[in-house]
Amino acid sequence: MNYELLSKLALEEAEKSKNETSILKKRNEILNHEVERLEALITKIEKEKVILKDEITLMKDEIKLLKS
């Protein structure tokens, strides 16, 4: 009887571990997706930053031309 009980407990623990593994895999997938989304957002913002800096440079150049 003790062996049956130990076997049952071992099966329950294995099932819990399986469930936890499944949950952790899903959480990992969600986090990886979020990281990819944030990296894409950062890239977009960096591109916008370059464009805005170029526009500022052009405007400064125009101001210099108007002053001269």
PDB file of N, CA and C in Angstrom:
ATOM      1  N   MET A   1       0.821  -1.190   0.000  1.00  0.00           N
ATOM      2  CA  MET A   1       0.000   0.000   0.000  1.00  0.00           C
ATOM      3  C   MET A   1       0.865   1.254   0.000  1.00  0.00           C
ATOM      4  N   ASN A   2       1.948   1.219   0.729  1.00  0.00           N
ATOM      5  CA  ASN A   2       2.828   2.373   0.726  1.00  0.00           C
ATOM      6  C   ASN A   2       3.377   2.642  -0.670  1.00  0.00           C
ATOM      7  N   TYR A   3       3.671   1.564  -1.406  1.00  0.00           N
ATOM      8  CA  TYR A   3       4.192   1.737  -2.766  1.00  0.00           C
ATOM      9  C   TYR A   3       3.131   2.353  -3.670  1.00  0.00           C
ATOM     10  N   GLU A   4       1.885   1.949  -3.481  1.00  0.00           N
ATOM     11  CA  GLU A   4       0.803   2.520  -4.283  1.00  0.00           C
ATOM     12  C   GLU A   4       0.645   4.011  -3.985  1.00  0.00           C
ATOM     13  N   LEU A   5       0.715   4.346  -2.725  1.00  0.00           N
ATOM     14  CA  LEU A   5       0.592   5.746  -2.323  1.00  0.00           C
ATOM     15  C   LEU A   5       1.761   6.566  -2.868  1.00  0.00           C
ATOM     16  N   LEU A   6       2.964   6.028  -2.737  1.00  0.00           N
ATOM     17  CA  LEU A   6       4.138   6.726  -3.267  1.00  0.00           C
ATOM     18  C   LEU A   6       4.056   6.881  -4.783  1.00  0.00           C
ATOM     19  N   SER A   7       3.572   5.851  -5.438  1.00  0.00           N
ATOM     20  CA  SER A   7       3.421   5.905  -6.881  1.00  0.00           C
ATOM     21  C   SER A   7       2.405   6.973  -7.276  1.00  0.00           C
ATOM     22  N   LYS A   8       1.296   7.015  -6.554  1.00  0.00           N
ATOM     23  CA  LYS A   8       0.264   8.009  -6.825  1.00  0.00           C
ATOM     24  C   LYS A   8       0.811   9.414  -6.597  1.00  0.00           C
ATOM     25  N   LEU A   9       1.542   9.612  -5.514  1.00  0.00           N
ATOM     26  CA  LEU A   9       2.137  10.919  -5.233  1.00  0.00           C
ATOM     27  C   LEU A   9       3.145  11.315  -6.311  1.00  0.00           C
ATOM     28  N   ALA A  10       3.928  10.350  -6.757  1.00  0.00           N
ATOM     29  CA  ALA A  10       4.912  10.620  -7.805  1.00  0.00           C
ATOM     30  C   ALA A  10       4.215  11.024  -9.103  1.00  0.00           C
ATOM     31  N   LEU A  11       3.127  10.350  -9.433  1.00  0.00           N
ATOM     32  CA  LEU A  11       2.367  10.699 -10.636  1.00  0.00           C
ATOM     33  C   LEU A  11       1.764  12.095 -10.515  1.00  0.00           C
ATOM     34  N   GLU A  12       1.247  12.430  -9.339  1.00  0.00           N
ATOM     35  CA  GLU A  12       0.686  13.757  -9.124  1.00  0.00           C
ATOM     36  C   GLU A  12       1.763  14.837  -9.264  1.00  0.00           C
ATOM     37  N   GLU A  13       2.931  14.577  -8.699  1.00  0.00           N
ATOM     38  CA  GLU A  13       4.036  15.538  -8.799  1.00  0.00           C
ATOM     39  C   GLU A  13       4.488  15.694 -10.248  1.00  0.00           C
ATOM     40  N   ALA A  14       4.522  14.591 -10.970  1.00  0.00           N
ATOM     41  CA  ALA A  14       4.906  14.648 -12.386  1.00  0.00           C
ATOM     42  C   ALA A  14       3.897  15.473 -13.174  1.00  0.00           C
ATOM     43  N   GLU A  15       2.627  15.304 -12.862  1.00  0.00           N
ATOM     44  CA  GLU A  15       1.573  16.064 -13.547  1.00  0.00           C
ATOM     45  C   GLU A  15       1.689  17.560 -13.211  1.00  0.00           C
ATOM     46  N   LYS A  16       1.961  17.862 -11.935  1.00  0.00           N
ATOM     47  CA  LYS A  16       2.145  19.260 -11.543  1.00  0.00           C
ATOM     48  C   LYS A  16       3.325  19.870 -12.287  1.00  0.00           C
ATOM     49  N   SER A  17       4.411  19.123 -12.366  1.00  0.00           N
ATOM     50  CA  SER A  17       5.600  19.614 -13.068  1.00  0.00           C
ATOM     51  C   SER A  17       5.297  19.839 -14.545  1.00  0.00           C
ATOM     52  N   LYS A  18       4.538  18.937 -15.121  1.00  0.00           N
ATOM     53  CA  LYS A  18       4.158  19.065 -16.532  1.00  0.00           C
ATOM     54  C   LYS A  18       3.325  20.329 -16.742  1.00  0.00           C
ATOM     55  N   ASN A  19       2.364  20.564 -15.843  1.00  0.00           N
ATOM     56  CA  ASN A  19       1.524  21.758 -15.924  1.00  0.00           C
ATOM     57  C   ASN A  19       2.353  23.032 -15.745  1.00  0.00           C
ATOM     58  N   GLU A  20       3.261  23.012 -14.783  1.00  0.00           N
ATOM     59  CA  GLU A  20       4.117  24.178 -14.553  1.00  0.00           C
ATOM     60  C   GLU A  20       5.004  24.438 -15.762  1.00  0.00           C
ATOM     61  N   THR A  21       5.512  23.387 -16.367  1.00  0.00           N
ATOM     62  CA  THR A  21       6.344  23.533 -17.558  1.00  0.00           C
ATOM     63  C   THR A  21       5.545  24.149 -18.689  1.00  0.00           C
ATOM     64  N   SER A  22       4.326  23.699 -18.847  1.00  0.00           N
ATOM     65  CA  SER A  22       3.458  24.242 -19.891  1.00  0.00           C
ATOM     66  C   SER A  22       3.187  25.725 -19.654  1.00  0.00           C
ATOM     67  N   ILE A  23       2.917  26.078 -18.421  1.00  0.00           N
ATOM     68  CA  ILE A  23       2.662  27.481 -18.073  1.00  0.00           C
ATOM     69  C   ILE A  23       3.907  28.329 -18.333  1.00  0.00           C
ATOM     70  N   LEU A  24       5.067  27.828 -17.929  1.00  0.00           N
ATOM     71  CA  LEU A  24       6.302  28.569 -18.126  1.00  0.00           C
ATOM     72  C   LEU A  24       6.638  28.735 -19.606  1.00  0.00           C
ATOM     73  N   LYS A  25       6.366  27.710 -20.412  1.00  0.00           N
ATOM     74  CA  LYS A  25       6.605  27.822 -21.855  1.00  0.00           C
ATOM     75  C   LYS A  25       5.711  28.890 -22.464  1.00  0.00           C
ATOM     76  N   LYS A  26       4.446  28.910 -22.069  1.00  0.00           N
ATOM     77  CA  LYS A  26       3.511  29.909 -22.584  1.00  0.00           C
ATOM     78  C   LYS A  26       3.935  31.302 -22.143  1.00  0.00           C
ATOM     79  N   ARG A  27       4.331  31.444 -20.902  1.00  0.00           N
ATOM     80  CA  ARG A  27       4.792  32.741 -20.396  1.00  0.00           C
ATOM     81  C   ARG A  27       6.033  33.193 -21.169  1.00  0.00           C
ATOM     82  N   ASN A  28       6.930  32.260 -21.449  1.00  0.00           N
ATOM     83  CA  ASN A  28       8.134  32.571 -22.205  1.00  0.00           C
ATOM     84  C   ASN A  28       7.788  33.040 -23.622  1.00  0.00           C
ATOM     85  N   GLU A  29       6.825  32.391 -24.251  1.00  0.00           N
ATOM     86  CA  GLU A  29       6.387  32.795 -25.586  1.00  0.00           C
ATOM     87  C   GLU A  29       5.827  34.221 -25.556  1.00  0.00           C
ATOM     88  N   ILE A  30       5.018  34.507 -24.559  1.00  0.00           N
ATOM     89  CA  ILE A  30       4.423  35.839 -24.427  1.00  0.00           C
ATOM     90  C   ILE A  30       5.517  36.891 -24.228  1.00  0.00           C
ATOM     91  N   LEU A  31       6.472  36.590 -23.358  1.00  0.00           N
ATOM     92  CA  LEU A  31       7.557  37.534 -23.100  1.00  0.00           C
ATOM     93  C   LEU A  31       8.423  37.738 -24.337  1.00  0.00           C
ATOM     94  N   ASN A  32       8.705  36.660 -25.072  1.00  0.00           N
ATOM     95  CA  ASN A  32       9.492  36.794 -26.300  1.00  0.00           C
ATOM     96  C   ASN A  32       8.759  37.655 -27.321  1.00  0.00           C
ATOM     97  N   HIS A  33       7.455  37.474 -27.427  1.00  0.00           N
ATOM     98  CA  HIS A  33       6.658  38.291 -28.342  1.00  0.00           C
ATOM     99  C   HIS A  33       6.710  39.758 -27.923  1.00  0.00           C
ATOM    100  N   GLU A  34       6.608  40.009 -26.645  1.00  0.00           N
ATOM    101  CA  GLU A  34       6.652  41.381 -26.134  1.00  0.00           C
ATOM    102  C   GLU A  34       8.022  42.005 -26.393  1.00  0.00           C
ATOM    103  N   VAL A  35       9.080  41.241 -26.212  1.00  0.00           N
ATOM    104  CA  VAL A  35      10.431  41.739 -26.488  1.00  0.00           C
ATOM    105  C   VAL A  35      10.559  42.110 -27.964  1.00  0.00           C
ATOM    106  N   GLU A  36      10.062  41.251 -28.849  1.00  0.00           N
ATOM    107  CA  GLU A  36      10.110  41.541 -30.285  1.00  0.00           C
ATOM    108  C   GLU A  36       9.328  42.813 -30.604  1.00  0.00           C
ATOM    109  N   ARG A  37       8.175  42.963 -29.995  1.00  0.00           N
ATOM    110  CA  ARG A  37       7.349  44.155 -30.230  1.00  0.00           C
ATOM    111  C   ARG A  37       8.071  45.418 -29.761  1.00  0.00           C
ATOM    112  N   LEU A  38       8.681  45.338 -28.589  1.00  0.00           N
ATOM    113  CA  LEU A  38       9.391  46.497 -28.053  1.00  0.00           C
ATOM    114  C   LEU A  38      10.634  46.827 -28.876  1.00  0.00           C
ATOM    115  N   GLU A  39      11.332  45.807 -29.353  1.00  0.00           N
ATOM    116  CA  GLU A  39      12.500  46.045 -30.211  1.00  0.00           C
ATOM    117  C   GLU A  39      12.082  46.731 -31.504  1.00  0.00           C
ATOM    118  N   ALA A  40      10.965  46.306 -32.075  1.00  0.00           N
ATOM    119  CA  ALA A  40      10.455  46.943 -33.294  1.00  0.00           C
ATOM    120  C   ALA A  40      10.079  48.394 -33.014  1.00  0.00           C
ATOM    121  N   LEU A  41       9.475  48.634 -31.868  1.00  0.00           N
ATOM    122  CA  LEU A  41       9.100  49.995 -31.484  1.00  0.00           C
ATOM    123  C   LEU A  41      10.337  50.871 -31.306  1.00  0.00           C
ATOM    124  N   ILE A  42      11.352  50.344 -30.676  1.00  0.00           N
ATOM    125  CA  ILE A  42      12.609  51.080 -30.489  1.00  0.00           C
ATOM    126  C   ILE A  42      13.221  51.432 -31.845  1.00  0.00           C
ATOM    127  N   THR A  43      13.240  50.481 -32.760  1.00  0.00           N
ATOM    128  CA  THR A  43      13.775  50.727 -34.093  1.00  0.00           C
ATOM    129  C   THR A  43      13.004  51.837 -34.789  1.00  0.00           C
ATOM    130  N   LYS A  44      11.693  51.788 -34.687  1.00  0.00           N
ATOM    131  CA  LYS A  44      10.845  52.818 -35.300  1.00  0.00           C
ATOM    132  C   LYS A  44      11.147  54.187 -34.700  1.00  0.00           C
ATOM    133  N   ILE A  45      11.266  54.253 -33.393  1.00  0.00           N
ATOM    134  CA  ILE A  45      11.540  55.525 -32.711  1.00  0.00           C
ATOM    135  C   ILE A  45      12.921  56.056 -33.098  1.00  0.00           C
ATOM    136  N   GLU A  46      13.899  55.157 -33.196  1.00  0.00           N
ATOM    137  CA  GLU A  46      15.241  55.585 -33.594  1.00  0.00           C
ATOM    138  C   GLU A  46      15.240  56.161 -35.011  1.00  0.00           C
ATOM    139  N   LYS A  47      14.473  55.547 -35.908  1.00  0.00           N
ATOM    140  CA  LYS A  47      14.367  56.073 -37.272  1.00  0.00           C
ATOM    141  C   LYS A  47      13.703  57.451 -37.273  1.00  0.00           C
ATOM    142  N   GLU A  48      12.640  57.598 -36.482  1.00  0.00           N
ATOM    143  CA  GLU A  48      11.965  58.891 -36.371  1.00  0.00           C
ATOM    144  C   GLU A  48      12.904  59.953 -35.801  1.00  0.00           C
ATOM    145  N   LYS A  49      13.740  59.547 -34.855  1.00  0.00           N
ATOM    146  CA  LYS A  49      14.703  60.466 -34.249  1.00  0.00           C
ATOM    147  C   LYS A  49      15.673  60.989 -35.308  1.00  0.00           C
ATOM    148  N   VAL A  50      16.167  60.106 -36.161  1.00  0.00           N
ATOM    149  CA  VAL A  50      17.087  60.517 -37.233  1.00  0.00           C
ATOM    150  C   VAL A  50      16.389  61.488 -38.184  1.00  0.00           C
ATOM    151  N   ILE A  51      15.159  61.169 -38.548  1.00  0.00           N
ATOM    152  CA  ILE A  51      14.396  62.041 -39.446  1.00  0.00           C
ATOM    153  C   ILE A  51      14.210  63.420 -38.821  1.00  0.00           C
ATOM    154  N   LEU A  52      13.856  63.457 -37.543  1.00  0.00           N
ATOM    155  CA  LEU A  52      13.644  64.736 -36.860  1.00  0.00           C
ATOM    156  C   LEU A  52      14.945  65.530 -36.752  1.00  0.00           C
ATOM    157  N   LYS A  53      16.043  64.850 -36.489  1.00  0.00           N
ATOM    158  CA  LYS A  53      17.339  65.541 -36.431  1.00  0.00           C
ATOM    159  C   LYS A  53      17.677  66.144 -37.791  1.00  0.00           C
ATOM    160  N   ASP A  54      17.412  65.404 -38.860  1.00  0.00           N
ATOM    161  CA  ASP A  54      17.654  65.920 -40.211  1.00  0.00           C
ATOM    162  C   ASP A  54      16.788  67.142 -40.487  1.00  0.00           C
ATOM    163  N   GLU A  55      15.538  67.085 -40.069  1.00  0.00           N
ATOM    164  CA  GLU A  55      14.646  68.229 -40.261  1.00  0.00           C
ATOM    165  C   GLU A  55      15.140  69.447 -39.483  1.00  0.00           C
ATOM    166  N   ILE A  56      15.625  69.227 -38.280  1.00  0.00           N
ATOM    167  CA  ILE A  56      16.160  70.329 -37.473  1.00  0.00           C
ATOM    168  C   ILE A  56      17.363  70.947 -38.175  1.00  0.00           C
ATOM    169  N   THR A  57      18.234  70.098 -38.674  1.00  0.00           N
ATOM    170  CA  THR A  57      19.418  70.596 -39.389  1.00  0.00           C
ATOM    171  C   THR A  57      18.999  71.427 -40.594  1.00  0.00           C
ATOM    172  N   LEU A  58      18.030  70.922 -41.359  1.00  0.00           N
ATOM    173  CA  LEU A  58      17.547  71.676 -42.521  1.00  0.00           C
ATOM    174  C   LEU A  58      16.952  73.017 -42.106  1.00  0.00           C
ATOM    175  N   MET A  59      16.184  73.029 -41.048  1.00  0.00           N
ATOM    176  CA  MET A  59      15.582  74.282 -40.577  1.00  0.00           C
ATOM    177  C   MET A  59      16.642  75.265 -40.100  1.00  0.00           C
ATOM    178  N   LYS A  60      17.655  74.770 -39.423  1.00  0.00           N
ATOM    179  CA  LYS A  60      18.742  75.641 -38.963  1.00  0.00           C
ATOM    180  C   LYS A  60      19.463  76.244 -40.166  1.00  0.00           C
ATOM    181  N   ASP A  61      19.693  75.426 -41.171  1.00  0.00           N
ATOM    182  CA  ASP A  61      20.347  75.903 -42.390  1.00  0.00           C
ATOM    183  C   ASP A  61      19.494  76.973 -43.080  1.00  0.00           C
ATOM    184  N   GLU A  62      18.194  76.765 -43.111  1.00  0.00           N
ATOM    185  CA  GLU A  62      17.289  77.745 -43.714  1.00  0.00           C
ATOM    186  C   GLU A  62      17.318  79.061 -42.930  1.00  0.00           C
ATOM    187  N   ILE A  63      17.358  78.964 -41.617  1.00  0.00           N
ATOM    188  CA  ILE A  63      17.423  80.166 -40.778  1.00  0.00           C
ATOM    189  C   ILE A  63      18.712  80.928 -41.068  1.00  0.00           C
ATOM    190  N   LYS A  64      19.822  80.197 -41.175  1.00  0.00           N
ATOM    191  CA  LYS A  64      21.102  80.851 -41.476  1.00  0.00           C
ATOM    192  C   LYS A  64      21.050  81.567 -42.810  1.00  0.00           C
ATOM    193  N   LEU A  65      20.423  80.912 -43.794  1.00  0.00           N
ATOM    194  CA  LEU A  65      20.304  81.534 -45.126  1.00  0.00           C
ATOM    195  C   LEU A  65      19.438  82.790 -45.076  1.00  0.00           C
ATOM    196  N   LEU A  66      18.377  82.733 -44.294  1.00  0.00           N
ATOM    197  CA  LEU A  66      17.482  83.886 -44.193  1.00  0.00           C
ATOM    198  C   LEU A  66      18.166  85.040 -43.454  1.00  0.00           C
ATOM    199  N   LYS A  67      19.024  84.739 -42.507  1.00  0.00           N
ATOM    200  CA  LYS A  67      19.730  85.768 -41.744  1.00  0.00           C
ATOM    201  C   LYS A  67      20.820  86.448 -42.577  1.00  0.00           C
ATOM    202  N   SER A  68      21.368  85.713 -43.534  1.00  0.00           N
ATOM    203  CA  SER A  68      22.482  86.278 -44.301  1.00  0.00           C
ATOM    204  C   SER A  68      22.054  87.074 -45.509  1.00  0.00           C
TER     205      SER A  68
END
